[in-house]
Amino acid sequence: MECRLGCGACCIAPSITSAIPGMPDGKKAGERCVQLDDNNLCKIFGQPERPKVCLDFHAAEWVCGSSNETAMARLIEMEDITSH
């Protein structure tokens, strides 16, 4: 599955504990990554400074579903399950 351009759920819903350019302490769950532009596209996509967790994430039907809303809901649910 290819990422849906403009979704951005993976850049908002999960927490990221590694440094992100502009966010040296990472980000909290639900916090918008500073590298996400107004069109919900990653400004550092394909760049070496992109966090490993971002590089390792791959869109999949079971996570992303068929809409941006589904992707956000599923990623929020996974974040909630794994944060306890």
C-alpha atoms as a PDB file:
ATOM      1  CA  MET A   1       0.000   0.000   0.000  1.00  0.00           C
ATOM      2  CA  GLU A   2       1.193   3.503  -0.775  1.00  0.00           C
ATOM      3  CA  CYS A   3       0.725   6.344   1.692  1.00  0.00           C
ATOM      4  CA  ARG A   4      -2.216   8.603   0.949  1.00  0.00           C
ATOM      5  CA  LEU A   5      -0.715  12.008   0.248  1.00  0.00           C
ATOM      6  CA  GLY A   6      -2.016  14.552   2.714  1.00  0.00           C
ATOM      7  CA  CYS A   7      -3.042  12.050   5.397  1.00  0.00           C
ATOM      8  CA  GLY A   8      -0.439  12.877   8.060  1.00  0.00           C
ATOM      9  CA  ALA A   9      -1.952  10.560  10.686  1.00  0.00           C
ATOM     10  CA  CYS A  10       1.419   8.906  11.369  1.00  0.00           C
ATOM     11  CA  CYS A  11       2.899  12.378  11.996  1.00  0.00           C
ATOM     12  CA  ILE A  12       0.220  13.374  14.495  1.00  0.00           C
ATOM     13  CA  ALA A  13      -1.272  10.398  16.361  1.00  0.00           C
ATOM     14  CA  PRO A  14       1.767   8.535  17.745  1.00  0.00           C
ATOM     15  CA  SER A  15       4.303   9.748  20.236  1.00  0.00           C
ATOM     16  CA  ILE A  16       7.894   9.848  18.983  1.00  0.00           C
ATOM     17  CA  THR A  17      10.611   9.653  21.604  1.00  0.00           C
ATOM     18  CA  SER A  18      13.587  10.254  19.322  1.00  0.00           C
ATOM     19  CA  ALA A  19      14.743  13.700  18.257  1.00  0.00           C
ATOM     20  CA  ILE A  20      13.093  15.317  15.255  1.00  0.00           C
ATOM     21  CA  PRO A  21      14.617  18.429  13.661  1.00  0.00           C
ATOM     22  CA  GLY A  22      12.879  21.261  15.490  1.00  0.00           C
ATOM     23  CA  MET A  23      11.667  18.907  18.239  1.00  0.00           C
ATOM     24  CA  PRO A  24      14.794  17.711  20.070  1.00  0.00           C
ATOM     25  CA  ASP A  25      12.776  15.781  22.668  1.00  0.00           C
ATOM     26  CA  GLY A  26      10.481  14.144  20.126  1.00  0.00           C
ATOM     27  CA  LYS A  27       6.726  14.693  20.315  1.00  0.00           C
ATOM     28  CA  LYS A  28       3.755  13.672  22.400  1.00  0.00           C
ATOM     29  CA  ALA A  29       0.886  11.586  21.075  1.00  0.00           C
ATOM     30  CA  GLY A  30      -1.610  13.823  19.284  1.00  0.00           C
ATOM     31  CA  GLU A  31       0.929  16.593  18.829  1.00  0.00           C
ATOM     32  CA  ARG A  32       1.508  17.663  15.240  1.00  0.00           C
ATOM     33  CA  CYS A  33       5.112  17.171  14.109  1.00  0.00           C
ATOM     34  CA  VAL A  34       6.770  20.481  13.196  1.00  0.00           C
ATOM     35  CA  GLN A  35       8.037  18.830  10.018  1.00  0.00           C
ATOM     36  CA  LEU A  36       4.488  18.312   8.749  1.00  0.00           C
ATOM     37  CA  ASP A  37       3.592  21.072   6.301  1.00  0.00           C
ATOM     38  CA  ASP A  38       0.184  22.687   5.720  1.00  0.00           C
ATOM     39  CA  ASN A  39      -0.647  19.979   3.172  1.00  0.00           C
ATOM     40  CA  ASN A  40       0.196  17.222   5.706  1.00  0.00           C
ATOM     41  CA  LEU A  41       3.362  16.272   3.851  1.00  0.00           C
ATOM     42  CA  CYS A  42       6.653  15.602   5.632  1.00  0.00           C
ATOM     43  CA  LYS A  43       9.201  18.337   4.945  1.00  0.00           C
ATOM     44  CA  ILE A  44      12.097  15.954   5.673  1.00  0.00           C
ATOM     45  CA  PHE A  45      10.787  12.894   3.847  1.00  0.00           C
ATOM     46  CA  GLY A  46      13.737  11.029   2.338  1.00  0.00           C
ATOM     47  CA  GLN A  47      16.264  13.108   4.290  1.00  0.00           C
ATOM     48  CA  PRO A  48      18.888  11.534   6.568  1.00  0.00           C
ATOM     49  CA  GLU A  49      17.709  13.543   9.597  1.00  0.00           C
ATOM     50  CA  ARG A  50      14.297  11.868   9.486  1.00  0.00           C
ATOM     51  CA  PRO A  51      13.872   9.759  12.651  1.00  0.00           C
ATOM     52  CA  LYS A  52      14.358   6.004  12.322  1.00  0.00           C
ATOM     53  CA  VAL A  53      10.837   5.347  13.599  1.00  0.00           C
ATOM     54  CA  CYS A  54       9.520   7.365  10.665  1.00  0.00           C
ATOM     55  CA  LEU A  55      11.768   5.565   8.205  1.00  0.00           C
ATOM     56  CA  ASP A  56      10.591   2.208   9.559  1.00  0.00           C
ATOM     57  CA  PHE A  57       6.867   2.985   9.303  1.00  0.00           C
ATOM     58  CA  HIS A  58       5.196   1.670   6.155  1.00  0.00           C
ATOM     59  CA  ALA A  59       1.597   2.229   5.203  1.00  0.00           C
ATOM     60  CA  ALA A  60      -0.511  -0.901   5.515  1.00  0.00           C
ATOM     61  CA  GLU A  61      -4.216  -1.489   4.969  1.00  0.00           C
ATOM     62  CA  TRP A  62      -4.698  -2.846   8.513  1.00  0.00           C
ATOM     63  CA  VAL A  63      -3.327   0.427   9.949  1.00  0.00           C
ATOM     64  CA  CYS A  64      -4.353   3.038   7.416  1.00  0.00           C
ATOM     65  CA  GLY A  65      -7.685   1.630   6.284  1.00  0.00           C
ATOM     66  CA  SER A  66      -9.440   3.356   3.420  1.00  0.00           C
ATOM     67  CA  SER A  67      -9.526   6.924   4.764  1.00  0.00           C
ATOM     68  CA  ASN A  68      -7.444   9.465   6.651  1.00  0.00           C
ATOM     69  CA  GLU A  69      -9.981   9.362   9.478  1.00  0.00           C
ATOM     70  CA  THR A  70      -9.609   5.601   9.818  1.00  0.00           C
ATOM     71  CA  ALA A  71      -5.828   5.899   9.864  1.00  0.00           C
ATOM     72  CA  MET A  72      -5.971   8.526  12.618  1.00  0.00           C
ATOM     73  CA  ALA A  73      -8.411   6.472  14.711  1.00  0.00           C
ATOM     74  CA  ARG A  74      -6.370   3.277  14.402  1.00  0.00           C
ATOM     75  CA  LEU A  75      -3.071   4.994  15.192  1.00  0.00           C
ATOM     76  CA  ILE A  76      -4.626   6.709  18.223  1.00  0.00           C
ATOM     77  CA  GLU A  77      -5.959   3.340  19.388  1.00  0.00           C
ATOM     78  CA  MET A  78      -2.537   1.682  18.952  1.00  0.00           C
ATOM     79  CA  GLU A  79      -0.840   4.539  20.795  1.00  0.00           C
ATOM     80  CA  ASP A  80      -3.326   4.175  23.654  1.00  0.00           C
ATOM     81  CA  ILE A  81      -2.838   0.400  23.859  1.00  0.00           C
ATOM     82  CA  THR A  82       0.946   0.621  23.846  1.00  0.00           C
ATOM     83  CA  SER A  83       1.244   3.542  26.270  1.00  0.00           C
ATOM     84  CA  HIS A  84      -0.053   1.586  29.292  1.00  0.00           C
END
